[in-house]
């Protein structure tokens, strides 16, 4: 009983923590990242009047928009959790159908032709589960799937951190030197609010 209570509490705490992490991350990206980076290209000032040079230098400095990169990261981190949730829902639905068949006997898929029938089946399975013998009761175990889902989430976080480092680094420089066609010589470009962006 104490173990069941602990596992239930841990599961609920994990779900609340995941939602908080996702919501807080989205809040930081939308409320802090978007205002900070929305005018990035306009405020990327280069000491040249050569047409197209500033655009090429900005593309070298920031090949992908930070804001879009972080949105893609947040959505990608949700994918393993979504796959795990669909897997759990599928297994629970199959378990309810199997328990109903054990209690009442099933012939093929008779009686499961509509979502209303499935809803009634779920309701009757929950109400009548106390009628089952102790030998028929089993507890669904999702620890393996949960571990796999955590592994993929951690792998995605590490991959995005590595991509972030190779694309942008972890610090925004005050000055970016650029020499690329159509620039005719080395051009110094200056980034707006580099300290705030680094933080």
Protein backbone atom coordinates (compact mmCIF):
# COMPACT_ATOMS: atom_id res chain seq x y z
CA UNK A 1 0.00 0.00 0.00
CA UNK A 2 2.80 2.43 0.88
CA UNK A 3 4.68 1.45 -2.29
CA UNK A 4 1.57 2.02 -4.42
CA UNK A 5 1.02 5.40 -2.80
CA UNK A 6 4.67 6.35 -3.38
CA UNK A 7 4.56 5.27 -7.04
CA UNK A 8 1.31 7.15 -7.63
CA UNK A 9 2.75 10.28 -5.99
CA UNK A 10 5.98 9.99 -8.02
CA UNK A 11 4.02 9.54 -11.25
CA UNK A 12 1.82 12.58 -10.55
CA UNK A 13 4.84 14.65 -9.47
CA UNK A 14 6.67 13.65 -12.66
CA UNK A 15 3.71 14.70 -14.84
CA UNK A 16 3.36 18.04 -13.00
CA UNK A 17 7.12 18.63 -13.28
CA UNK A 18 7.10 17.87 -17.02
CA UNK A 19 4.21 20.29 -17.61
CA UNK A 20 5.96 22.99 -15.55
CA UNK A 21 9.22 22.51 -17.47
CA UNK A 22 7.43 22.72 -20.82
CA UNK A 23 5.29 25.71 -19.78
CA UNK A 24 8.24 27.55 -18.22
CA UNK A 25 10.40 26.87 -21.26
CA UNK A 26 7.68 28.14 -23.60
CA UNK A 27 7.18 31.20 -21.38
CA UNK A 28 10.91 32.00 -21.45
CA UNK A 29 11.14 31.48 -25.23
CA UNK A 30 8.02 33.50 -26.05
CA UNK A 31 8.18 36.23 -23.39
CA UNK A 32 11.96 36.70 -23.21
CA UNK A 33 13.46 35.20 -26.37
CA UNK A 34 11.08 36.67 -28.93
CA UNK A 35 11.36 40.34 -27.82
CA UNK A 36 15.12 39.98 -27.52
CA UNK A 37 15.68 38.45 -30.97
CA UNK A 38 12.83 39.87 -33.09
CA UNK A 39 14.85 42.88 -34.26
CA UNK A 40 18.18 41.05 -34.43
CA UNK A 41 18.87 41.55 -38.12
CA UNK A 42 17.87 45.22 -38.09
CA UNK A 43 20.24 45.93 -35.20
CA UNK A 44 23.10 43.89 -36.67
CA UNK A 45 25.22 46.86 -37.78
CA UNK A 46 28.26 46.40 -40.03
CA UNK A 47 30.83 49.09 -40.82
CA UNK A 48 30.31 48.86 -44.59
CA UNK A 49 28.07 50.35 -47.27
CA UNK A 50 28.69 47.47 -49.69
CA UNK A 51 25.26 46.21 -50.88
CA UNK A 52 24.43 42.73 -49.56
CA UNK A 53 27.49 42.52 -47.31
CA UNK A 54 25.53 43.00 -44.06
CA UNK A 55 23.01 40.32 -45.07
CA UNK A 56 25.74 37.79 -45.87
CA UNK A 57 27.54 38.54 -42.60
CA UNK A 58 24.33 38.15 -40.61
CA UNK A 59 23.67 34.80 -42.31
CA UNK A 60 27.16 33.65 -41.32
CA UNK A 61 26.69 34.90 -37.77
CA UNK A 62 23.25 33.34 -37.30
CA UNK A 63 22.48 30.59 -39.86
CA UNK A 64 19.22 29.74 -38.04
CA UNK A 65 16.93 32.01 -36.07
CA UNK A 66 17.51 31.43 -32.33
CA UNK A 67 13.82 31.85 -31.63
CA UNK A 68 12.73 29.26 -34.23
CA UNK A 69 15.48 26.89 -33.11
CA UNK A 70 14.22 26.98 -29.51
CA UNK A 71 10.61 26.47 -30.63
CA UNK A 72 11.65 23.40 -32.65
CA UNK A 73 13.61 22.15 -29.63
CA UNK A 74 10.61 22.51 -27.31
CA UNK A 75 8.26 20.73 -29.71
CA UNK A 76 10.81 17.95 -30.32
CA UNK A 77 11.21 17.36 -26.59
CA UNK A 78 7.44 16.79 -26.40
CA UNK A 79 7.46 14.07 -29.08
CA UNK A 80 8.79 11.20 -26.89
CA UNK A 81 6.28 12.13 -24.18
CA UNK A 82 3.43 12.15 -26.74
CA UNK A 83 4.52 8.73 -28.06
CA UNK A 84 4.69 7.36 -24.50
CA UNK A 85 1.22 8.73 -23.68
CA UNK A 86 -0.29 7.16 -26.83
CA UNK A 87 1.38 3.85 -25.97
CA UNK A 88 -0.03 3.93 -22.41
CA UNK A 89 -3.53 4.81 -23.62
CA UNK A 90 -3.41 1.95 -26.14
CA UNK A 91 -2.23 -0.57 -23.55
CA UNK A 92 -4.82 0.54 -20.97
CA UNK A 93 -7.64 0.30 -23.54
CA UNK A 94 -6.49 -3.21 -24.53
CA UNK A 95 -6.27 -4.18 -20.85
CA UNK A 96 -9.83 -3.02 -20.21
CA UNK A 97 -11.12 -4.97 -23.20
CA UNK A 98 -9.20 -8.09 -22.11
CA UNK A 99 -10.53 -7.85 -18.53
CA UNK A 100 -14.06 -7.43 -19.83
CA UNK A 101 -13.64 -10.52 -22.01
CA UNK A 102 -12.34 -12.51 -19.03
CA UNK A 103 -15.33 -11.48 -16.91
CA UNK A 104 -18.15 -11.71 -19.46
CA UNK A 105 -16.74 -13.70 -22.35
CA UNK A 106 -16.23 -12.18 -25.79
CA UNK A 107 -16.83 -13.62 -29.23
CA UNK A 108 -14.63 -11.69 -31.66
CA UNK A 109 -15.19 -7.95 -31.50
CA UNK A 110 -18.95 -8.19 -31.04
CA UNK A 111 -20.31 -5.25 -29.08
CA UNK A 112 -17.33 -2.97 -29.80
CA UNK A 113 -18.59 -1.39 -33.01
CA UNK A 114 -18.78 2.23 -31.82
CA UNK A 115 -17.02 4.59 -29.40
CA UNK A 116 -20.20 4.56 -27.26
CA UNK A 117 -19.90 0.77 -26.88
CA UNK A 118 -16.25 1.14 -25.88
CA UNK A 119 -17.18 3.80 -23.32
CA UNK A 120 -19.82 1.48 -21.84
CA UNK A 121 -17.29 -1.34 -21.82
CA UNK A 122 -14.78 0.80 -19.93
CA UNK A 123 -17.41 1.88 -17.42
CA UNK A 124 -18.61 -1.68 -16.83
CA UNK A 125 -15.02 -2.96 -16.55
CA UNK A 126 -14.23 -0.36 -13.89
CA UNK A 127 -17.46 -1.07 -11.98
CA UNK A 128 -17.10 -4.85 -12.17
CA UNK A 129 -13.36 -5.18 -11.61
CA UNK A 130 -14.01 -6.07 -7.96
CA UNK A 131 -15.88 -9.16 -9.15
CA UNK A 132 -12.70 -10.61 -10.67
CA UNK A 133 -10.82 -13.29 -8.88
CA UNK A 134 -7.38 -12.50 -7.46
CA UNK A 135 -5.76 -14.68 -10.12
CA UNK A 136 -7.19 -12.55 -12.94
CA UNK A 137 -6.00 -9.20 -11.57
CA UNK A 138 -2.75 -7.83 -12.88
CA UNK A 139 -1.01 -4.48 -12.75
CA UNK A 140 0.16 -2.87 -15.96
CA UNK A 141 3.85 -2.07 -15.88
CA UNK A 142 5.08 0.83 -17.99
CA UNK A 143 8.51 1.23 -16.41
CA UNK A 144 10.34 -0.06 -19.51
CA UNK A 145 8.48 2.26 -21.87
CA UNK A 146 8.91 5.15 -19.43
CA UNK A 147 12.67 4.51 -19.27
CA UNK A 148 12.91 4.40 -23.08
CA UNK A 149 10.93 7.66 -23.33
CA UNK A 150 13.22 9.32 -20.75
CA UNK A 151 16.27 8.09 -22.65
CA UNK A 152 15.02 9.62 -25.92
CA UNK A 153 14.11 12.89 -24.19
CA UNK A 154 17.57 13.11 -22.64
CA UNK A 155 19.17 12.23 -25.99
CA UNK A 156 17.18 14.99 -27.72
CA UNK A 157 18.14 17.53 -25.05
CA UNK A 158 21.83 16.63 -25.45
CA UNK A 159 21.59 16.72 -29.25
CA UNK A 160 19.95 20.15 -29.25
CA UNK A 161 22.53 21.47 -26.76
CA UNK A 162 25.31 20.22 -29.08
CA UNK A 163 23.65 21.77 -32.15
CA UNK A 164 23.17 25.03 -30.23
CA UNK A 165 26.87 25.04 -29.35
CA UNK A 166 28.04 24.34 -32.91
CA UNK A 167 25.62 26.83 -34.52
CA UNK A 168 25.83 29.73 -32.08
CA UNK A 169 28.08 28.87 -29.14
CA UNK A 170 26.93 29.70 -25.63
CA UNK A 171 28.15 33.31 -25.59
CA UNK A 172 27.17 36.13 -27.94
CA UNK A 173 30.20 38.21 -28.95
CA UNK A 174 30.08 41.99 -29.04
CA UNK A 175 31.77 42.05 -32.46
CA UNK A 176 31.69 39.63 -35.37
CA UNK A 177 34.34 39.83 -38.12
CA UNK A 178 33.25 38.76 -41.57
CA UNK A 179 34.98 38.35 -44.92
CA UNK A 180 32.80 36.79 -47.56
CA UNK A 181 31.62 37.76 -51.03
CA UNK A 182 30.21 40.36 -51.77
CA UNK A 183 32.25 42.01 -48.99
CA UNK A 184 35.44 43.34 -50.56
CA UNK A 185 37.41 43.32 -47.29
CA UNK A 186 37.10 42.19 -43.68
CA UNK A 187 34.04 43.80 -42.13
CA UNK A 188 33.31 44.22 -38.42
CA UNK A 189 29.69 43.78 -37.40
CA UNK A 190 28.20 44.64 -34.01
CA UNK A 191 25.48 42.67 -32.26
CA UNK A 192 22.79 44.37 -30.18
CA UNK A 193 22.57 43.53 -26.46
CA UNK A 194 25.23 40.76 -26.47
CA UNK A 195 25.48 40.50 -22.69
CA UNK A 196 21.74 40.07 -22.22
CA UNK A 197 21.63 37.49 -25.00
CA UNK A 198 24.51 35.55 -23.47
CA UNK A 199 22.72 35.48 -20.12
